[in-house]
Amino acid sequence: MPNPSSPVLDIRKLRIEATVRAPGEKPHDILIVDDISLTLQKGRVLGLI
């Protein structure tokens, strides 16, 4: 059984990269998110846009 004080979601040092493949250009990597950390406790709300 989970500890009531333990987070529902715990993310540490999230990094997201993607490769862009635009017509007529060489594919290249872009950094979308770098070093994001968050903790979400039970009963809290997280909104992402």
PDB file of N, CA and C in Angstrom:
ATOM      1  N   MET A   1       0.852  -1.183   0.000  1.00  0.00           N
ATOM      2  CA  MET A   1       0.000   0.000   0.000  1.00  0.00           C
ATOM      3  C   MET A   1       0.896   1.246   0.000  1.00  0.00           C
ATOM      4  N   PRO A   2       0.617   2.215  -0.890  1.00  0.00           N
ATOM      5  CA  PRO A   2       1.460   3.404  -0.964  1.00  0.00           C
ATOM      6  C   PRO A   2       1.345   4.275   0.282  1.00  0.00           C
ATOM      7  N   ASN A   3       2.417   4.947   0.589  1.00  0.00           N
ATOM      8  CA  ASN A   3       2.459   5.895   1.696  1.00  0.00           C
ATOM      9  C   ASN A   3       1.594   7.104   1.340  1.00  0.00           C
ATOM     10  N   PRO A   4       0.667   7.544   2.222  1.00  0.00           N
ATOM     11  CA  PRO A   4      -0.212   8.678   1.898  1.00  0.00           C
ATOM     12  C   PRO A   4       0.545   9.971   1.603  1.00  0.00           C
ATOM     13  N   SER A   5       1.752  10.110   2.136  1.00  0.00           N
ATOM     14  CA  SER A   5       2.515  11.333   1.885  1.00  0.00           C
ATOM     15  C   SER A   5       3.410  11.216   0.655  1.00  0.00           C
ATOM     16  N   SER A   6       3.450  10.035   0.033  1.00  0.00           N
ATOM     17  CA  SER A   6       4.289   9.881  -1.154  1.00  0.00           C
ATOM     18  C   SER A   6       3.609  10.539  -2.358  1.00  0.00           C
ATOM     19  N   PRO A   7       4.396  11.112  -3.267  1.00  0.00           N
ATOM     20  CA  PRO A   7       3.811  11.798  -4.422  1.00  0.00           C
ATOM     21  C   PRO A   7       3.111  10.835  -5.380  1.00  0.00           C
ATOM     22  N   VAL A   8       2.110  11.356  -6.067  1.00  0.00           N
ATOM     23  CA  VAL A   8       1.417  10.602  -7.107  1.00  0.00           C
ATOM     24  C   VAL A   8       2.279  10.584  -8.366  1.00  0.00           C
ATOM     25  N   LEU A   9       2.998  11.683  -8.585  1.00  0.00           N
ATOM     26  CA  LEU A   9       3.876  11.825  -9.746  1.00  0.00           C
ATOM     27  C   LEU A   9       5.149  12.520  -9.297  1.00  0.00           C
ATOM     28  N   ASP A  10       6.287  11.965  -9.678  1.00  0.00           N
ATOM     29  CA  ASP A  10       7.580  12.546  -9.314  1.00  0.00           C
ATOM     30  C   ASP A  10       8.496  12.452 -10.526  1.00  0.00           C
ATOM     31  N   ILE A  11       8.813  13.576 -11.128  1.00  0.00           N
ATOM     32  CA  ILE A  11       9.657  13.629 -12.326  1.00  0.00           C
ATOM     33  C   ILE A  11      10.918  14.397 -11.972  1.00  0.00           C
ATOM     34  N   ARG A  12      12.070  13.849 -12.346  1.00  0.00           N
ATOM     35  CA  ARG A  12      13.356  14.491 -12.063  1.00  0.00           C
ATOM     36  C   ARG A  12      14.179  14.609 -13.338  1.00  0.00           C
ATOM     37  N   LYS A  13      14.652  15.815 -13.597  1.00  0.00           N
ATOM     38  CA  LYS A  13      15.579  16.108 -14.700  1.00  0.00           C
ATOM     39  C   LYS A  13      15.058  15.617 -16.055  1.00  0.00           C
ATOM     40  N   LEU A  14      13.803  15.900 -16.337  1.00  0.00           N
ATOM     41  CA  LEU A  14      13.194  15.504 -17.611  1.00  0.00           C
ATOM     42  C   LEU A  14      13.856  16.252 -18.761  1.00  0.00           C
ATOM     43  N   ARG A  15      14.175  15.520 -19.807  1.00  0.00           N
ATOM     44  CA  ARG A  15      14.770  16.107 -21.010  1.00  0.00           C
ATOM     45  C   ARG A  15      14.057  15.487 -22.211  1.00  0.00           C
ATOM     46  N   ILE A  16      13.572  16.332 -23.112  1.00  0.00           N
ATOM     47  CA  ILE A  16      12.889  15.854 -24.313  1.00  0.00           C
ATOM     48  C   ILE A  16      13.555  16.493 -25.524  1.00  0.00           C
ATOM     49  N   GLU A  17      13.948  15.654 -26.467  1.00  0.00           N
ATOM     50  CA  GLU A  17      14.537  16.103 -27.721  1.00  0.00           C
ATOM     51  C   GLU A  17      13.704  15.551 -28.870  1.00  0.00           C
ATOM     52  N   ALA A  18      13.785  16.224 -30.008  1.00  0.00           N
ATOM     53  CA  ALA A  18      13.071  15.756 -31.198  1.00  0.00           C
ATOM     54  C   ALA A  18      13.924  16.042 -32.424  1.00  0.00           C
ATOM     55  N   THR A  19      13.685  15.280 -33.463  1.00  0.00           N
ATOM     56  CA  THR A  19      14.358  15.511 -34.735  1.00  0.00           C
ATOM     57  C   THR A  19      13.376  16.189 -35.681  1.00  0.00           C
ATOM     58  N   VAL A  20      13.789  17.341 -36.214  1.00  0.00           N
ATOM     59  CA  VAL A  20      12.969  18.096 -37.158  1.00  0.00           C
ATOM     60  C   VAL A  20      13.381  17.684 -38.565  1.00  0.00           C
ATOM     61  N   ARG A  21      12.383  17.333 -39.364  1.00  0.00           N
ATOM     62  CA  ARG A  21      12.632  16.939 -40.753  1.00  0.00           C
ATOM     63  C   ARG A  21      11.795  17.823 -41.672  1.00  0.00           C
ATOM     64  N   ALA A  22      12.258  19.043 -41.859  1.00  0.00           N
ATOM     65  CA  ALA A  22      11.539  19.986 -42.716  1.00  0.00           C
ATOM     66  C   ALA A  22      11.850  19.684 -44.180  1.00  0.00           C
ATOM     67  N   PRO A  23      10.866  19.840 -45.065  1.00  0.00           N
ATOM     68  CA  PRO A  23      11.101  19.588 -46.491  1.00  0.00           C
ATOM     69  C   PRO A  23      12.243  20.462 -47.019  1.00  0.00           C
ATOM     70  N   GLY A  24      13.168  19.840 -47.738  1.00  0.00           N
ATOM     71  CA  GLY A  24      14.274  20.571 -48.345  1.00  0.00           C
ATOM     72  C   GLY A  24      15.420  20.887 -47.403  1.00  0.00           C
ATOM     73  N   GLU A  25      15.333  20.452 -46.146  1.00  0.00           N
ATOM     74  CA  GLU A  25      16.403  20.709 -45.179  1.00  0.00           C
ATOM     75  C   GLU A  25      16.921  19.396 -44.610  1.00  0.00           C
ATOM     76  N   LYS A  26      18.147  19.438 -44.110  1.00  0.00           N
ATOM     77  CA  LYS A  26      18.693  18.270 -43.430  1.00  0.00           C
ATOM     78  C   LYS A  26      17.992  18.118 -42.079  1.00  0.00           C
ATOM     79  N   PRO A  27      17.725  16.888 -41.663  1.00  0.00           N
ATOM     80  CA  PRO A  27      17.149  16.695 -40.324  1.00  0.00           C
ATOM     81  C   PRO A  27      18.094  17.240 -39.250  1.00  0.00           C
ATOM     82  N   HIS A  28      17.525  17.857 -38.233  1.00  0.00           N
ATOM     83  CA  HIS A  28      18.341  18.346 -37.120  1.00  0.00           C
ATOM     84  C   HIS A  28      17.569  18.185 -35.814  1.00  0.00           C
ATOM     85  N   ASP A  29      18.324  17.992 -34.752  1.00  0.00           N
ATOM     86  CA  ASP A  29      17.725  17.788 -33.431  1.00  0.00           C
ATOM     87  C   ASP A  29      17.455  19.124 -32.754  1.00  0.00           C
ATOM     88  N   ILE A  30      16.343  19.182 -32.023  1.00  0.00           N
ATOM     89  CA  ILE A  30      16.028  20.358 -31.213  1.00  0.00           C
ATOM     90  C   ILE A  30      15.744  19.896 -29.783  1.00  0.00           C
ATOM     91  N   LEU A  31      16.042  20.764 -28.852  1.00  0.00           N
ATOM     92  CA  LEU A  31      15.787  20.502 -27.442  1.00  0.00           C
ATOM     93  C   LEU A  31      14.463  21.159 -27.081  1.00  0.00           C
ATOM     94  N   ILE A  32      13.505  20.368 -26.627  1.00  0.00           N
ATOM     95  CA  ILE A  32      12.174  20.876 -26.307  1.00  0.00           C
ATOM     96  C   ILE A  32      12.060  21.202 -24.821  1.00  0.00           C
ATOM     97  N   VAL A  33      12.538  20.310 -23.974  1.00  0.00           N
ATOM     98  CA  VAL A  33      12.505  20.486 -22.518  1.00  0.00           C
ATOM     99  C   VAL A  33      13.864  20.067 -21.980  1.00  0.00           C
ATOM    100  N   ASP A  34      14.389  20.847 -21.035  1.00  0.00           N
ATOM    101  CA  ASP A  34      15.695  20.521 -20.470  1.00  0.00           C
ATOM    102  C   ASP A  34      15.699  20.714 -18.957  1.00  0.00           C
ATOM    103  N   ASP A  35      15.953  19.643 -18.239  1.00  0.00           N
ATOM    104  CA  ASP A  35      16.155  19.664 -16.790  1.00  0.00           C
ATOM    105  C   ASP A  35      14.947  20.198 -16.021  1.00  0.00           C
ATOM    106  N   ILE A  36      13.779  19.618 -16.285  1.00  0.00           N
ATOM    107  CA  ILE A  36      12.562  19.984 -15.564  1.00  0.00           C
ATOM    108  C   ILE A  36      12.272  18.909 -14.514  1.00  0.00           C
ATOM    109  N   SER A  37      11.999  19.354 -13.301  1.00  0.00           N
ATOM    110  CA  SER A  37      11.631  18.436 -12.220  1.00  0.00           C
ATOM    111  C   SER A  37      10.324  18.910 -11.600  1.00  0.00           C
ATOM    112  N   LEU A  38       9.472  17.970 -11.210  1.00  0.00           N
ATOM    113  CA  LEU A  38       8.239  18.332 -10.519  1.00  0.00           C
ATOM    114  C   LEU A  38       7.743  17.168  -9.687  1.00  0.00           C
ATOM    115  N   THR A  39       7.008  17.509  -8.644  1.00  0.00           N
ATOM    116  CA  THR A  39       6.386  16.528  -7.766  1.00  0.00           C
ATOM    117  C   THR A  39       4.922  16.910  -7.607  1.00  0.00           C
ATOM    118  N   LEU A  40       4.044  15.942  -7.776  1.00  0.00           N
ATOM    119  CA  LEU A  40       2.612  16.180  -7.642  1.00  0.00           C
ATOM    120  C   LEU A  40       2.078  15.316  -6.508  1.00  0.00           C
ATOM    121  N   GLN A  41       1.544  15.973  -5.486  1.00  0.00           N
ATOM    122  CA  GLN A  41       0.985  15.271  -4.334  1.00  0.00           C
ATOM    123  C   GLN A  41      -0.485  14.929  -4.585  1.00  0.00           C
ATOM    124  N   LYS A  42      -0.975  13.911  -3.910  1.00  0.00           N
ATOM    125  CA  LYS A  42      -2.374  13.505  -4.020  1.00  0.00           C
ATOM    126  C   LYS A  42      -3.279  14.686  -3.674  1.00  0.00           C
ATOM    127  N   GLY A  43      -4.307  14.903  -4.496  1.00  0.00           N
ATOM    128  CA  GLY A  43      -5.261  15.983  -4.267  1.00  0.00           C
ATOM    129  C   GLY A  43      -4.888  17.293  -4.939  1.00  0.00           C
ATOM    130  N   ARG A  44      -3.702  17.359  -5.540  1.00  0.00           N
ATOM    131  CA  ARG A  44      -3.268  18.572  -6.236  1.00  0.00           C
ATOM    132  C   ARG A  44      -3.571  18.429  -7.724  1.00  0.00           C
ATOM    133  N   VAL A  45      -3.618  19.548  -8.424  1.00  0.00           N
ATOM    134  CA  VAL A  45      -3.938  19.561  -9.845  1.00  0.00           C
ATOM    135  C   VAL A  45      -2.760  20.143 -10.611  1.00  0.00           C
ATOM    136  N   LEU A  46      -2.437  19.534 -11.741  1.00  0.00           N
ATOM    137  CA  LEU A  46      -1.372  20.016 -12.612  1.00  0.00           C
ATOM    138  C   LEU A  46      -1.974  20.318 -13.972  1.00  0.00           C
ATOM    139  N   GLY A  47      -1.757  21.520 -14.468  1.00  0.00           N
ATOM    140  CA  GLY A  47      -2.224  21.894 -15.797  1.00  0.00           C
ATOM    141  C   GLY A  47      -1.044  22.173 -16.705  1.00  0.00           C
ATOM    142  N   LEU A  48      -1.055  21.605 -17.891  1.00  0.00           N
ATOM    143  CA  LEU A  48       0.007  21.830 -18.875  1.00  0.00           C
ATOM    144  C   LEU A  48      -0.589  22.435 -20.133  1.00  0.00           C
ATOM    145  N   ILE A  49       0.096  23.410 -20.654  1.00  0.00           N
ATOM    146  CA  ILE A  49      -0.358  24.043 -21.901  1.00  0.00           C
ATOM    147  C   ILE A  49       0.733  23.898 -22.929  1.00  0.00           C
TER     148      ILE A  49
END
